Amino acid sequence: MTDIQKLHHSAYRCRDSEATRAFYEDFLGLHLVNAFEISATKSGRETRVLHSFFAMADGSCLAFFEVPDQPFEFKDQHDFDLHIALEVDYPTLESMLEKGRTQGIDTRGISDHGFIHSIYFRDPNGYVVELTAQVEERSGALEPGAARDALDAWQRSKPGANLQ
């Protein structure tokens, strides 16, 4: 068993803090709970960074760094690559699907993944944000034993696997 208690925050670069705030606070409804400027690194190098935090209902946060003087390659991600998945209830999933489409935000879904249903948005930085609602009759899908079996089967079946 692990001593890790919960996610505090997950941090990402952003192009523009205000555009990011508008998406995460105004559109998704995550409250901006902290923002501070960093003017020097721990090694003493001068910098100019804004670090902002958006809180979820469980107290964990999504955080973003805007660093105007440091190049960063933002690129669109595939849904199955880098993405941020946030849990909602099913009525919220449906209302956010409509809200995204109404507001002209790149919106896809509803995808049935068996134990969850998901919709997808693209934020102003190109990151994919997935909203996911659990399917009640399949809520027991997150089981370590079954997950380990699936991973082992994958390892045996993928191209180049060492088949003994």
N, C-alpha and C. Protein backbone atom coordinates (compact mmCIF):
# COMPACT_ATOMS: atom_id res chain seq x y z
N MET A 1 0.84 -1.18 0.00
CA MET A 1 0.00 0.00 0.00
C MET A 1 0.89 1.24 0.00
N THR A 2 0.42 2.29 -0.59
CA THR A 2 1.20 3.51 -0.72
C THR A 2 0.83 4.53 0.37
N ASP A 3 1.77 5.40 0.68
CA ASP A 3 1.51 6.50 1.61
C ASP A 3 1.02 7.74 0.89
N ILE A 4 0.96 7.71 -0.43
CA ILE A 4 0.48 8.86 -1.19
C ILE A 4 -1.02 8.98 -0.96
N GLN A 5 -1.47 10.17 -0.57
CA GLN A 5 -2.85 10.37 -0.15
C GLN A 5 -3.78 10.80 -1.27
N LYS A 6 -3.39 11.76 -2.09
CA LYS A 6 -4.25 12.23 -3.18
C LYS A 6 -3.43 13.14 -4.08
N LEU A 7 -3.98 13.49 -5.19
CA LEU A 7 -3.36 14.44 -6.09
C LEU A 7 -3.51 15.83 -5.50
N HIS A 8 -2.42 16.54 -5.35
CA HIS A 8 -2.48 17.94 -4.92
C HIS A 8 -2.72 18.83 -6.14
N HIS A 9 -1.82 18.73 -7.12
CA HIS A 9 -2.02 19.43 -8.38
C HIS A 9 -1.21 18.76 -9.48
N SER A 10 -1.64 18.98 -10.67
CA SER A 10 -0.92 18.57 -11.86
C SER A 10 -0.69 19.85 -12.65
N ALA A 11 0.55 20.10 -13.09
CA ALA A 11 0.89 21.38 -13.69
C ALA A 11 1.27 21.24 -15.16
N TYR A 12 0.90 22.25 -15.94
CA TYR A 12 1.11 22.28 -17.38
C TYR A 12 1.54 23.69 -17.78
N ARG A 13 2.25 23.81 -18.89
CA ARG A 13 2.56 25.12 -19.45
C ARG A 13 1.30 25.66 -20.12
N CYS A 14 1.21 26.97 -20.20
CA CYS A 14 0.11 27.60 -20.94
C CYS A 14 0.65 28.74 -21.79
N ARG A 15 -0.09 29.04 -22.85
CA ARG A 15 0.29 30.14 -23.74
C ARG A 15 -0.03 31.49 -23.11
N ASP A 16 -1.22 31.58 -22.51
CA ASP A 16 -1.72 32.84 -21.98
C ASP A 16 -2.57 32.54 -20.75
N SER A 17 -2.21 33.12 -19.63
CA SER A 17 -2.90 32.81 -18.37
C SER A 17 -4.35 33.23 -18.38
N GLU A 18 -4.68 34.35 -19.01
CA GLU A 18 -6.08 34.80 -19.02
C GLU A 18 -6.94 33.92 -19.91
N ALA A 19 -6.44 33.52 -21.08
CA ALA A 19 -7.21 32.61 -21.94
C ALA A 19 -7.40 31.27 -21.25
N THR A 20 -6.37 30.82 -20.54
CA THR A 20 -6.45 29.56 -19.79
C THR A 20 -7.47 29.70 -18.67
N ARG A 21 -7.45 30.84 -17.95
CA ARG A 21 -8.42 31.08 -16.88
C ARG A 21 -9.85 31.07 -17.43
N ALA A 22 -10.05 31.73 -18.55
CA ALA A 22 -11.40 31.79 -19.13
C ALA A 22 -11.93 30.39 -19.42
N PHE A 23 -11.09 29.50 -19.94
CA PHE A 23 -11.54 28.13 -20.23
C PHE A 23 -11.81 27.35 -18.95
N TYR A 24 -10.83 27.33 -18.05
CA TYR A 24 -10.96 26.48 -16.86
C TYR A 24 -11.93 27.04 -15.83
N GLU A 25 -12.02 28.35 -15.70
CA GLU A 25 -12.93 28.93 -14.71
C GLU A 25 -14.30 29.24 -15.31
N ASP A 26 -14.33 30.03 -16.38
CA ASP A 26 -15.62 30.44 -16.95
C ASP A 26 -16.35 29.29 -17.63
N PHE A 27 -15.62 28.46 -18.40
CA PHE A 27 -16.27 27.37 -19.13
C PHE A 27 -16.45 26.13 -18.26
N LEU A 28 -15.36 25.60 -17.69
CA LEU A 28 -15.46 24.36 -16.91
C LEU A 28 -15.99 24.58 -15.50
N GLY A 29 -15.82 25.77 -14.94
CA GLY A 29 -16.31 26.05 -13.59
C GLY A 29 -15.33 25.76 -12.48
N LEU A 30 -14.04 25.58 -12.80
CA LEU A 30 -13.02 25.39 -11.77
C LEU A 30 -12.58 26.77 -11.29
N HIS A 31 -12.63 27.00 -9.99
CA HIS A 31 -12.32 28.32 -9.45
C HIS A 31 -10.81 28.56 -9.41
N LEU A 32 -10.40 29.75 -9.85
CA LEU A 32 -9.02 30.19 -9.70
C LEU A 32 -8.80 30.45 -8.22
N VAL A 33 -7.93 29.67 -7.57
CA VAL A 33 -7.76 29.76 -6.11
C VAL A 33 -6.39 30.30 -5.70
N ASN A 34 -5.43 30.34 -6.64
CA ASN A 34 -4.13 30.90 -6.30
C ASN A 34 -3.42 31.26 -7.59
N ALA A 35 -2.68 32.34 -7.55
CA ALA A 35 -1.81 32.73 -8.65
C ALA A 35 -0.67 33.55 -8.05
N PHE A 36 0.53 33.23 -8.45
CA PHE A 36 1.66 34.00 -7.95
C PHE A 36 2.76 34.04 -9.01
N GLU A 37 3.51 35.13 -8.98
CA GLU A 37 4.60 35.30 -9.92
C GLU A 37 5.88 34.77 -9.29
N ILE A 38 6.67 34.09 -10.11
CA ILE A 38 7.99 33.61 -9.72
C ILE A 38 8.99 34.49 -10.47
N SER A 39 9.87 35.17 -9.73
CA SER A 39 10.81 36.09 -10.37
C SER A 39 12.25 35.56 -10.39
N ALA A 40 12.51 34.49 -9.64
CA ALA A 40 13.84 33.89 -9.65
C ALA A 40 13.70 32.39 -9.40
N THR A 41 14.55 31.63 -10.09
CA THR A 41 14.57 30.18 -9.87
C THR A 41 15.32 29.89 -8.58
N LYS A 42 15.26 28.67 -8.10
CA LYS A 42 15.99 28.28 -6.88
C LYS A 42 17.50 28.40 -7.08
N SER A 43 17.96 28.37 -8.33
CA SER A 43 19.39 28.54 -8.60
C SER A 43 19.77 30.01 -8.72
N GLY A 44 18.80 30.93 -8.57
CA GLY A 44 19.07 32.35 -8.60
C GLY A 44 18.92 33.01 -9.96
N ARG A 45 18.57 32.24 -10.98
CA ARG A 45 18.39 32.82 -12.32
C ARG A 45 17.11 33.65 -12.34
N GLU A 46 17.21 34.86 -12.88
CA GLU A 46 16.01 35.70 -13.02
C GLU A 46 15.07 35.09 -14.04
N THR A 47 13.79 35.18 -13.76
CA THR A 47 12.77 34.65 -14.67
C THR A 47 11.50 35.45 -14.47
N ARG A 48 10.52 35.19 -15.26
CA ARG A 48 9.20 35.79 -15.09
C ARG A 48 8.17 34.73 -15.44
N VAL A 49 7.55 34.17 -14.39
CA VAL A 49 6.62 33.06 -14.54
C VAL A 49 5.38 33.36 -13.71
N LEU A 50 4.20 33.08 -14.27
CA LEU A 50 2.98 33.13 -13.48
C LEU A 50 2.52 31.70 -13.28
N HIS A 51 2.29 31.32 -12.02
CA HIS A 51 1.83 29.97 -11.67
C HIS A 51 0.41 30.13 -11.13
N SER A 52 -0.59 29.52 -11.78
CA SER A 52 -1.98 29.67 -11.37
C SER A 52 -2.60 28.30 -11.10
N PHE A 53 -3.54 28.28 -10.15
CA PHE A 53 -4.15 27.04 -9.67
C PHE A 53 -5.67 27.12 -9.77
N PHE A 54 -6.30 26.05 -10.28
CA PHE A 54 -7.75 25.95 -10.41
C PHE A 54 -8.21 24.73 -9.62
N ALA A 55 -9.11 24.94 -8.65
CA ALA A 55 -9.50 23.88 -7.71
C ALA A 55 -10.68 23.07 -8.20
N MET A 56 -10.63 21.77 -7.88
CA MET A 56 -11.73 20.85 -8.12
C MET A 56 -12.44 20.59 -6.79
N ALA A 57 -13.56 19.93 -6.83
CA ALA A 57 -14.39 19.72 -5.63
C ALA A 57 -13.65 18.98 -4.52
N ASP A 58 -12.71 18.09 -4.87
CA ASP A 58 -11.99 17.32 -3.84
C ASP A 58 -10.79 18.06 -3.25
N GLY A 59 -10.56 19.30 -3.69
CA GLY A 59 -9.44 20.09 -3.18
C GLY A 59 -8.19 20.00 -4.03
N SER A 60 -8.12 19.06 -4.95
CA SER A 60 -6.97 18.98 -5.84
C SER A 60 -7.08 20.08 -6.89
N CYS A 61 -5.97 20.37 -7.55
CA CYS A 61 -5.95 21.49 -8.50
C CYS A 61 -5.30 21.10 -9.82
N LEU A 62 -5.70 21.80 -10.85
CA LEU A 62 -4.94 21.86 -12.09
C LEU A 62 -4.18 23.17 -12.03
N ALA A 63 -2.90 23.15 -12.39
CA ALA A 63 -2.07 24.34 -12.32
C ALA A 63 -1.43 24.59 -13.68
N PHE A 64 -1.13 25.85 -13.93
CA PHE A 64 -0.54 26.24 -15.21
C PHE A 64 0.58 27.23 -14.98
N PHE A 65 1.60 27.14 -15.83
CA PHE A 65 2.73 28.07 -15.83
C PHE A 65 2.71 28.84 -17.14
N GLU A 66 2.68 30.17 -17.05
CA GLU A 66 2.92 30.99 -18.24
C GLU A 66 4.33 31.55 -18.11
N VAL A 67 5.17 31.28 -19.12
CA VAL A 67 6.56 31.72 -19.12
C VAL A 67 6.82 32.42 -20.45
N PRO A 68 6.51 33.73 -20.52
CA PRO A 68 6.59 34.43 -21.80
C PRO A 68 7.96 34.43 -22.46
N ASP A 69 9.04 34.39 -21.68
CA ASP A 69 10.37 34.49 -22.28
C ASP A 69 11.03 33.15 -22.55
N GLN A 70 10.31 32.06 -22.37
CA GLN A 70 10.85 30.73 -22.67
C GLN A 70 10.01 30.04 -23.71
N PRO A 71 10.59 29.71 -24.85
CA PRO A 71 9.81 29.02 -25.88
C PRO A 71 9.31 27.66 -25.37
N PHE A 72 8.14 27.32 -25.81
CA PHE A 72 7.55 26.03 -25.47
C PHE A 72 6.71 25.61 -26.66
N GLU A 73 6.90 24.39 -27.14
CA GLU A 73 6.16 23.93 -28.31
C GLU A 73 4.82 23.35 -27.87
N PHE A 74 3.77 24.09 -28.16
CA PHE A 74 2.43 23.59 -27.91
C PHE A 74 1.98 22.86 -29.17
N LYS A 75 1.44 21.67 -28.99
CA LYS A 75 0.95 20.95 -30.15
C LYS A 75 -0.35 20.24 -29.76
N ASP A 76 -1.22 20.10 -30.73
CA ASP A 76 -2.47 19.39 -30.48
C ASP A 76 -2.15 17.95 -30.13
N GLN A 77 -2.85 17.44 -29.14
CA GLN A 77 -2.66 16.06 -28.69
C GLN A 77 -3.81 15.20 -29.19
N HIS A 78 -3.51 13.93 -29.46
CA HIS A 78 -4.57 12.96 -29.73
C HIS A 78 -5.26 12.66 -28.41
N ASP A 79 -6.51 12.26 -28.45
CA ASP A 79 -7.25 11.96 -27.22
C ASP A 79 -6.53 10.95 -26.35
N PHE A 80 -5.84 10.01 -26.95
CA PHE A 80 -5.20 8.94 -26.18
C PHE A 80 -3.77 9.28 -25.80
N ASP A 81 -3.27 10.44 -26.20
CA ASP A 81 -1.96 10.89 -25.75
C ASP A 81 -2.16 11.70 -24.47
N LEU A 82 -1.43 12.75 -24.34
CA LEU A 82 -1.54 13.61 -23.18
C LEU A 82 -2.94 14.21 -23.11
N HIS A 83 -3.66 13.92 -22.02
CA HIS A 83 -4.96 14.54 -21.80
C HIS A 83 -5.25 14.61 -20.31
N ILE A 84 -6.16 15.48 -19.96
CA ILE A 84 -6.55 15.70 -18.58
C ILE A 84 -7.97 15.17 -18.43
N ALA A 85 -8.17 14.15 -17.59
CA ALA A 85 -9.50 13.55 -17.41
C ALA A 85 -10.06 13.96 -16.06
N LEU A 86 -11.25 14.53 -16.07
CA LEU A 86 -11.92 15.01 -14.86
C LEU A 86 -13.27 14.32 -14.74
N GLU A 87 -13.60 13.88 -13.52
CA GLU A 87 -14.84 13.14 -13.31
C GLU A 87 -16.01 14.07 -13.00
N VAL A 88 -17.14 13.79 -13.63
CA VAL A 88 -18.40 14.52 -13.40
C VAL A 88 -19.52 13.49 -13.31
N ASP A 89 -20.73 13.95 -12.96
CA ASP A 89 -21.87 13.04 -13.01
C ASP A 89 -22.45 13.08 -14.43
N TYR A 90 -23.35 12.15 -14.74
CA TYR A 90 -23.85 12.03 -16.11
C TYR A 90 -24.65 13.25 -16.58
N PRO A 91 -25.51 13.84 -15.74
CA PRO A 91 -26.20 15.06 -16.19
C PRO A 91 -25.23 16.20 -16.53
N THR A 92 -24.15 16.31 -15.76
CA THR A 92 -23.15 17.34 -16.07
C THR A 92 -22.45 17.02 -17.38
N LEU A 93 -22.15 15.76 -17.62
CA LEU A 93 -21.53 15.35 -18.87
C LEU A 93 -22.38 15.81 -20.06
N GLU A 94 -23.67 15.53 -19.98
CA GLU A 94 -24.58 15.91 -21.07
C GLU A 94 -24.68 17.43 -21.23
N SER A 95 -24.77 18.15 -20.11
CA SER A 95 -24.90 19.61 -20.21
C SER A 95 -23.61 20.26 -20.72
N MET A 96 -22.45 19.71 -20.33
CA MET A 96 -21.19 20.26 -20.81
C MET A 96 -20.97 19.96 -22.29
N LEU A 97 -21.47 18.83 -22.77
CA LEU A 97 -21.41 18.53 -24.19
C LEU A 97 -22.16 19.60 -24.97
N GLU A 98 -23.35 19.92 -24.53
CA GLU A 98 -24.16 20.95 -25.19
C GLU A 98 -23.51 22.32 -25.05
N LYS A 99 -23.01 22.64 -23.87
CA LYS A 99 -22.36 23.94 -23.62
C LYS A 99 -21.15 24.12 -24.54
N GLY A 100 -20.32 23.09 -24.67
CA GLY A 100 -19.15 23.18 -25.55
C GLY A 100 -19.55 23.43 -26.99
N ARG A 101 -20.53 22.69 -27.46
CA ARG A 101 -20.99 22.86 -28.84
C ARG A 101 -21.60 24.24 -29.05
N THR A 102 -22.39 24.70 -28.10
CA THR A 102 -23.03 26.01 -28.20
C THR A 102 -22.00 27.13 -28.23
N GLN A 103 -20.93 26.99 -27.45
CA GLN A 103 -19.92 28.04 -27.37
C GLN A 103 -18.83 27.92 -28.44
N GLY A 104 -18.97 26.95 -29.33
CA GLY A 104 -18.01 26.81 -30.42
C GLY A 104 -16.66 26.25 -30.02
N ILE A 105 -16.62 25.54 -28.90
CA ILE A 105 -15.39 24.90 -28.44
C ILE A 105 -15.29 23.54 -29.11
N ASP A 106 -14.08 23.17 -29.54
CA ASP A 106 -13.86 21.85 -30.14
C ASP A 106 -14.34 20.79 -29.15
N THR A 107 -15.47 20.13 -29.46
CA THR A 107 -16.15 19.22 -28.53
C THR A 107 -16.44 17.92 -29.25
N ARG A 108 -16.07 16.79 -28.61
CA ARG A 108 -16.35 15.47 -29.18
C ARG A 108 -16.93 14.56 -28.12
N GLY A 109 -17.74 13.61 -28.54
CA GLY A 109 -18.31 12.62 -27.63
C GLY A 109 -19.79 12.49 -27.89
N ILE A 110 -20.42 11.67 -27.19
CA ILE A 110 -20.08 10.92 -26.00
C ILE A 110 -19.48 9.57 -26.42
N SER A 111 -18.32 9.22 -25.83
CA SER A 111 -17.66 7.95 -26.10
C SER A 111 -17.94 6.97 -24.98
N ASP A 112 -18.30 5.75 -25.33
CA ASP A 112 -18.57 4.70 -24.35
C ASP A 112 -17.32 3.85 -24.20
N HIS A 113 -16.66 3.96 -23.03
CA HIS A 113 -15.44 3.19 -22.75
C HIS A 113 -15.74 1.97 -21.86
N GLY A 114 -17.00 1.58 -21.78
CA GLY A 114 -17.38 0.43 -20.97
C GLY A 114 -17.75 0.83 -19.56
N PHE A 115 -16.78 1.20 -18.76
CA PHE A 115 -17.04 1.55 -17.36
C PHE A 115 -17.26 3.06 -17.17
N ILE A 116 -16.94 3.86 -18.20
CA ILE A 116 -17.17 5.30 -18.17
C ILE A 116 -17.65 5.78 -19.54
N HIS A 117 -18.32 6.92 -19.54
CA HIS A 117 -18.66 7.64 -20.77
C HIS A 117 -17.89 8.96 -20.73
N SER A 118 -17.38 9.40 -21.88
CA SER A 118 -16.51 10.56 -21.91
C SER A 118 -16.86 11.51 -23.04
N ILE A 119 -16.59 12.80 -22.78
CA ILE A 119 -16.60 13.83 -23.82
C ILE A 119 -15.25 14.52 -23.78
N TYR A 120 -14.91 15.18 -24.87
CA TYR A 120 -13.57 15.77 -25.01
C TYR A 120 -13.67 17.20 -25.53
N PHE A 121 -12.83 18.05 -24.95
CA PHE A 121 -12.68 19.43 -25.40
C PHE A 121 -11.19 19.67 -25.66
N ARG A 122 -10.90 20.72 -26.40
CA ARG A 122 -9.52 21.17 -26.56
C ARG A 122 -9.43 22.55 -25.91
N ASP A 123 -8.49 22.70 -24.97
CA ASP A 123 -8.34 23.97 -24.28
C ASP A 123 -7.53 24.95 -25.13
N PRO A 124 -7.36 26.21 -24.71
CA PRO A 124 -6.65 27.20 -25.53
C PRO A 124 -5.18 26.88 -25.77
N ASN A 125 -4.63 25.93 -25.03
CA ASN A 125 -3.23 25.55 -25.18
C ASN A 125 -3.05 24.33 -26.08
N GLY A 126 -4.16 23.71 -26.50
CA GLY A 126 -4.11 22.52 -27.34
C GLY A 126 -4.26 21.23 -26.55
N TYR A 127 -4.32 21.32 -25.21
CA TYR A 127 -4.49 20.11 -24.41
C TYR A 127 -5.91 19.58 -24.56
N VAL A 128 -6.05 18.26 -24.54
CA VAL A 128 -7.36 17.63 -24.55
C VAL A 128 -7.82 17.51 -23.10
N VAL A 129 -9.04 17.97 -22.84
CA VAL A 129 -9.66 17.82 -21.53
C VAL A 129 -10.83 16.87 -21.69
N GLU A 130 -10.80 15.78 -20.95
CA GLU A 130 -11.84 14.75 -20.99
C GLU A 130 -12.70 14.91 -19.74
N LEU A 131 -14.01 14.99 -19.93
CA LEU A 131 -14.93 14.87 -18.81
C LEU A 131 -15.51 13.48 -18.87
N THR A 132 -15.53 12.80 -17.74
CA THR A 132 -15.92 11.40 -17.72
C THR A 132 -16.93 11.14 -16.60
N ALA A 133 -17.93 10.34 -16.91
CA ALA A 133 -18.94 9.94 -15.93
C ALA A 133 -18.93 8.42 -15.82
N GLN A 134 -18.92 7.93 -14.58
CA GLN A 134 -18.92 6.49 -14.37
C GLN A 134 -20.27 5.89 -14.77
N VAL A 135 -20.20 4.68 -15.30
CA VAL A 135 -21.39 3.92 -15.62
C VAL A 135 -21.67 3.04 -14.42
N GLU A 136 -22.80 3.22 -13.78
CA GLU A 136 -23.09 2.55 -12.51
C GLU A 136 -22.95 1.03 -12.57
N GLU A 137 -23.55 0.40 -13.57
CA GLU A 137 -23.53 -1.06 -13.61
C GLU A 137 -22.14 -1.62 -13.89
N ARG A 138 -21.19 -0.76 -14.25
CA ARG A 138 -19.83 -1.22 -14.51
C ARG A 138 -18.83 -0.51 -13.61
N SER A 139 -19.27 -0.01 -12.46
CA SER A 139 -18.41 0.78 -11.58
C SER A 139 -17.29 -0.03 -10.95
N GLY A 140 -17.35 -1.34 -10.96
CA GLY A 140 -16.30 -2.17 -10.39
C GLY A 140 -15.17 -2.46 -11.36
N ALA A 141 -15.07 -1.72 -12.45
CA ALA A 141 -14.08 -2.01 -13.49
C ALA A 141 -12.65 -1.71 -13.08
N LEU A 142 -12.44 -0.93 -12.04
CA LEU A 142 -11.08 -0.59 -11.62
C LEU A 142 -10.62 -1.57 -10.55
N GLU A 143 -10.15 -2.72 -11.00
CA GLU A 143 -9.72 -3.77 -10.09
C GLU A 143 -8.27 -4.13 -10.41
N PRO A 144 -7.37 -4.05 -9.40
CA PRO A 144 -5.95 -4.30 -9.64
C PRO A 144 -5.65 -5.66 -10.27
N GLY A 145 -6.31 -6.73 -9.85
CA GLY A 145 -6.03 -8.06 -10.41
C GLY A 145 -6.35 -8.14 -11.89
N ALA A 146 -7.51 -7.64 -12.27
CA ALA A 146 -7.90 -7.65 -13.68
C ALA A 146 -6.99 -6.73 -14.50
N ALA A 147 -6.60 -5.61 -13.92
CA ALA A 147 -5.70 -4.68 -14.61
C ALA A 147 -4.35 -5.35 -14.88
N ARG A 148 -3.84 -6.06 -13.90
CA ARG A 148 -2.54 -6.74 -14.05
C ARG A 148 -2.63 -7.81 -15.13
N ASP A 149 -3.73 -8.56 -15.15
CA ASP A 149 -3.93 -9.58 -16.19
C ASP A 149 -3.96 -8.95 -17.58
N ALA A 150 -4.66 -7.82 -17.72
CA ALA A 150 -4.75 -7.14 -19.01
C ALA A 150 -3.38 -6.63 -19.45
N LEU A 151 -2.61 -6.07 -18.52
CA LEU A 151 -1.26 -5.60 -18.85
C LEU A 151 -0.36 -6.76 -19.27
N ASP A 152 -0.41 -7.86 -18.54
CA ASP A 152 0.40 -9.02 -18.89
C ASP A 152 0.03 -9.56 -20.27
N ALA A 153 -1.25 -9.63 -20.57
CA ALA A 153 -1.70 -10.11 -21.89
C ALA A 153 -1.21 -9.16 -22.99
N TRP A 154 -1.27 -7.87 -22.72
CA TRP A 154 -0.79 -6.88 -23.69
C TRP A 154 0.69 -7.09 -23.97
N GLN A 155 1.47 -7.24 -22.91
CA GLN A 155 2.92 -7.41 -23.06
C GLN A 155 3.25 -8.65 -23.89
N ARG A 156 2.47 -9.71 -23.71
CA ARG A 156 2.71 -10.94 -24.47
C ARG A 156 2.31 -10.81 -25.93
N SER A 157 1.31 -9.98 -26.22
CA SER A 157 0.74 -9.96 -27.58
C SER A 157 1.26 -8.85 -28.48
N LYS A 158 1.95 -7.86 -27.93
CA LYS A 158 2.36 -6.75 -28.80
C LYS A 158 3.52 -7.15 -29.70
N PRO A 159 3.66 -6.48 -30.84
CA PRO A 159 4.75 -6.82 -31.76
C PRO A 159 6.09 -6.73 -31.07
N GLY A 160 6.92 -7.70 -31.32
CA GLY A 160 8.26 -7.73 -30.73
C GLY A 160 8.30 -8.33 -29.34
N ALA A 161 7.16 -8.81 -28.85
CA ALA A 161 7.13 -9.41 -27.51
C ALA A 161 7.96 -10.69 -27.50
N ASN A 162 8.63 -10.90 -26.40
CA ASN A 162 9.44 -12.10 -26.24
C ASN A 162 8.51 -13.26 -25.90
N LEU A 163 8.10 -14.00 -26.91
CA LEU A 163 7.18 -15.12 -26.71
C LEU A 163 7.98 -16.37 -26.37
N GLN A 164 7.79 -16.90 -25.19
CA GLN A 164 8.53 -18.09 -24.77
C GLN A 164 7.64 -19.29 -24.74
